Amino acid sequence: MARPKNTLDTIQITVSTTQQVRDLLELLTEQGLYGKNVAETAHNLVKEKLRELIERGHLPRSTPNTNPSQG
């Protein structure tokens, strides 16, 4: 089943990490639990952690619009 189209604008970021972290992301990707490639796996893990931080009250449920082109 195809996933629905993202209705939010996306931006690209670059993350530098160690080979060990890259290898672990690759392992998770091969298991097919978090994504179809390393970038998607990293994206999904970050989203999962952010949701956890929101639920624990460490982050607000919504953020103010900080993009000047949007406001």
N, C-alpha and C. Protein backbone atom coordinates (compact mmCIF):
# COMPACT_ATOMS: atom_id res chain seq x y z
N MET A 1 0.84 -1.17 0.00
CA MET A 1 0.00 0.00 0.00
C MET A 1 0.89 1.24 0.00
N ALA A 2 0.66 2.13 -0.91
CA ALA A 2 1.45 3.35 -1.00
C ALA A 2 1.09 4.30 0.14
N ARG A 3 2.10 4.99 0.63
CA ARG A 3 1.81 5.94 1.71
C ARG A 3 1.23 7.22 1.10
N PRO A 4 0.45 7.95 1.89
CA PRO A 4 -0.16 9.17 1.36
C PRO A 4 0.88 10.26 1.11
N LYS A 5 0.57 11.16 0.19
CA LYS A 5 1.46 12.27 -0.13
C LYS A 5 1.56 13.20 1.08
N ASN A 6 2.78 13.66 1.37
CA ASN A 6 3.00 14.59 2.46
C ASN A 6 2.39 15.93 2.10
N THR A 7 1.50 16.42 2.94
CA THR A 7 0.84 17.70 2.67
C THR A 7 1.63 18.88 3.21
N LEU A 8 2.69 18.62 3.97
CA LEU A 8 3.53 19.69 4.49
C LEU A 8 4.74 19.89 3.60
N ASP A 9 5.19 21.13 3.49
CA ASP A 9 6.44 21.39 2.78
C ASP A 9 7.58 20.74 3.55
N THR A 10 8.54 20.20 2.84
CA THR A 10 9.69 19.59 3.49
C THR A 10 10.95 20.39 3.15
N ILE A 11 11.93 20.27 4.02
CA ILE A 11 13.24 20.87 3.78
C ILE A 11 14.28 19.79 3.94
N GLN A 12 15.40 19.97 3.32
CA GLN A 12 16.48 19.01 3.43
C GLN A 12 17.47 19.49 4.46
N ILE A 13 17.93 18.57 5.32
CA ILE A 13 19.00 18.87 6.27
C ILE A 13 20.09 17.83 6.07
N THR A 14 21.28 18.17 6.50
CA THR A 14 22.40 17.24 6.44
C THR A 14 22.82 16.91 7.85
N VAL A 15 22.99 15.63 8.12
CA VAL A 15 23.41 15.16 9.43
C VAL A 15 24.72 14.40 9.27
N SER A 16 25.70 14.78 10.07
CA SER A 16 26.97 14.04 10.09
C SER A 16 26.96 13.13 11.30
N THR A 17 27.40 11.91 11.11
CA THR A 17 27.39 10.95 12.20
C THR A 17 28.58 10.00 12.08
N THR A 18 28.67 9.08 12.98
CA THR A 18 29.77 8.12 12.96
C THR A 18 29.41 6.93 12.07
N GLN A 19 30.41 6.18 11.70
CA GLN A 19 30.17 4.97 10.90
C GLN A 19 29.31 3.98 11.68
N GLN A 20 29.49 3.91 12.99
CA GLN A 20 28.71 2.99 13.81
C GLN A 20 27.21 3.32 13.73
N VAL A 21 26.88 4.61 13.82
CA VAL A 21 25.48 5.00 13.72
C VAL A 21 24.95 4.68 12.32
N ARG A 22 25.73 4.96 11.31
CA ARG A 22 25.33 4.65 9.93
C ARG A 22 25.07 3.15 9.77
N ASP A 23 25.96 2.34 10.34
CA ASP A 23 25.79 0.88 10.25
C ASP A 23 24.51 0.42 10.94
N LEU A 24 24.20 1.02 12.08
CA LEU A 24 22.97 0.66 12.80
C LEU A 24 21.73 1.08 12.02
N LEU A 25 21.78 2.26 11.40
CA LEU A 25 20.67 2.69 10.56
C LEU A 25 20.48 1.74 9.38
N GLU A 26 21.57 1.30 8.81
CA GLU A 26 21.52 0.35 7.69
C GLU A 26 20.89 -0.97 8.16
N LEU A 27 21.27 -1.43 9.34
CA LEU A 27 20.71 -2.66 9.88
C LEU A 27 19.20 -2.54 10.07
N LEU A 28 18.76 -1.43 10.64
CA LEU A 28 17.32 -1.21 10.82
C LEU A 28 16.61 -1.13 9.47
N THR A 29 17.25 -0.52 8.50
CA THR A 29 16.67 -0.42 7.16
C THR A 29 16.51 -1.81 6.55
N GLU A 30 17.52 -2.64 6.69
CA GLU A 30 17.46 -4.00 6.15
C GLU A 30 16.34 -4.81 6.80
N GLN A 31 16.05 -4.52 8.07
CA GLN A 31 14.97 -5.22 8.76
C GLN A 31 13.60 -4.74 8.30
N GLY A 32 13.57 -3.59 7.64
CA GLY A 32 12.34 -3.08 7.05
C GLY A 32 11.35 -2.50 8.04
N LEU A 33 11.78 -2.19 9.24
CA LEU A 33 10.85 -1.70 10.26
C LEU A 33 10.65 -0.19 10.23
N TYR A 34 11.64 0.56 9.76
CA TYR A 34 11.60 2.01 9.87
C TYR A 34 11.65 2.75 8.55
N GLY A 35 12.07 2.09 7.50
CA GLY A 35 12.14 2.79 6.22
C GLY A 35 12.75 1.93 5.14
N LYS A 36 12.67 2.45 3.92
CA LYS A 36 13.18 1.70 2.78
C LYS A 36 14.62 2.07 2.42
N ASN A 37 15.14 3.13 3.07
CA ASN A 37 16.55 3.49 2.90
C ASN A 37 17.03 4.16 4.19
N VAL A 38 18.31 4.38 4.30
CA VAL A 38 18.88 4.92 5.55
C VAL A 38 18.32 6.30 5.88
N ALA A 39 18.14 7.14 4.88
CA ALA A 39 17.61 8.49 5.14
C ALA A 39 16.19 8.42 5.68
N GLU A 40 15.37 7.56 5.11
CA GLU A 40 13.99 7.42 5.59
C GLU A 40 13.95 6.82 6.99
N THR A 41 14.83 5.87 7.25
CA THR A 41 14.92 5.28 8.59
C THR A 41 15.31 6.34 9.61
N ALA A 42 16.31 7.15 9.30
CA ALA A 42 16.72 8.22 10.22
C ALA A 42 15.57 9.20 10.43
N HIS A 43 14.88 9.57 9.37
CA HIS A 43 13.74 10.49 9.46
C HIS A 43 12.67 9.93 10.40
N ASN A 44 12.34 8.67 10.22
CA ASN A 44 11.29 8.06 11.04
C ASN A 44 11.71 7.94 12.50
N LEU A 45 12.97 7.66 12.76
CA LEU A 45 13.44 7.59 14.14
C LEU A 45 13.42 8.95 14.81
N VAL A 46 13.78 9.98 14.08
CA VAL A 46 13.73 11.34 14.63
C VAL A 46 12.28 11.72 14.95
N LYS A 47 11.37 11.44 14.02
CA LYS A 47 9.95 11.74 14.26
C LYS A 47 9.44 10.99 15.49
N GLU A 48 9.82 9.74 15.62
CA GLU A 48 9.39 8.93 16.76
C GLU A 48 9.88 9.54 18.08
N LYS A 49 11.14 9.95 18.10
CA LYS A 49 11.69 10.55 19.31
C LYS A 49 11.04 11.89 19.61
N LEU A 50 10.77 12.70 18.61
CA LEU A 50 10.11 13.98 18.82
C LEU A 50 8.71 13.78 19.40
N ARG A 51 7.99 12.80 18.89
CA ARG A 51 6.66 12.50 19.45
C ARG A 51 6.76 12.10 20.92
N GLU A 52 7.77 11.31 21.23
CA GLU A 52 8.00 10.89 22.62
C GLU A 52 8.28 12.10 23.51
N LEU A 53 9.12 13.02 23.04
CA LEU A 53 9.43 14.22 23.82
C LEU A 53 8.19 15.09 24.01
N ILE A 54 7.34 15.18 23.00
CA ILE A 54 6.09 15.94 23.12
C ILE A 54 5.19 15.30 24.17
N GLU A 55 5.04 13.98 24.09
CA GLU A 55 4.18 13.28 25.04
C GLU A 55 4.68 13.43 26.48
N ARG A 56 5.97 13.50 26.67
CA ARG A 56 6.55 13.65 28.02
C ARG A 56 6.55 15.10 28.50
N GLY A 57 6.13 16.02 27.64
CA GLY A 57 6.06 17.42 28.02
C GLY A 57 7.37 18.18 27.87
N HIS A 58 8.35 17.60 27.20
CA HIS A 58 9.63 18.26 27.00
C HIS A 58 9.63 19.21 25.80
N LEU A 59 8.65 19.05 24.92
CA LEU A 59 8.48 19.93 23.76
C LEU A 59 7.02 20.35 23.68
N PRO A 60 6.76 21.54 23.15
CA PRO A 60 5.36 21.96 22.99
C PRO A 60 4.67 21.13 21.90
N ARG A 61 3.37 21.03 21.99
CA ARG A 61 2.60 20.28 20.98
C ARG A 61 2.60 20.96 19.63
N SER A 62 2.77 22.27 19.61
CA SER A 62 2.87 22.99 18.34
C SER A 62 3.97 24.03 18.49
N THR A 63 4.53 24.40 17.35
CA THR A 63 5.60 25.41 17.36
C THR A 63 5.13 26.63 16.61
N PRO A 64 5.61 27.81 17.02
CA PRO A 64 5.23 29.02 16.27
C PRO A 64 5.83 28.97 14.88
N ASN A 65 5.19 29.66 13.94
CA ASN A 65 5.70 29.73 12.57
C ASN A 65 6.98 30.57 12.59
N THR A 66 8.11 29.92 12.32
CA THR A 66 9.39 30.61 12.34
C THR A 66 9.94 30.84 10.93
N ASN A 67 9.17 30.49 9.91
CA ASN A 67 9.60 30.67 8.54
C ASN A 67 9.06 32.00 8.02
N PRO A 68 9.95 33.01 7.81
CA PRO A 68 9.46 34.32 7.39
C PRO A 68 8.71 34.29 6.07
N SER A 69 9.00 33.35 5.18
CA SER A 69 8.29 33.30 3.90
C SER A 69 6.87 32.78 4.07
N GLN A 70 6.56 32.20 5.21
CA GLN A 70 5.23 31.65 5.47
C GLN A 70 4.35 32.65 6.21
N GLY A 71 4.91 33.76 6.70
CA GLY A 71 4.12 34.53 7.59
C GLY A 71 3.90 35.94 7.30
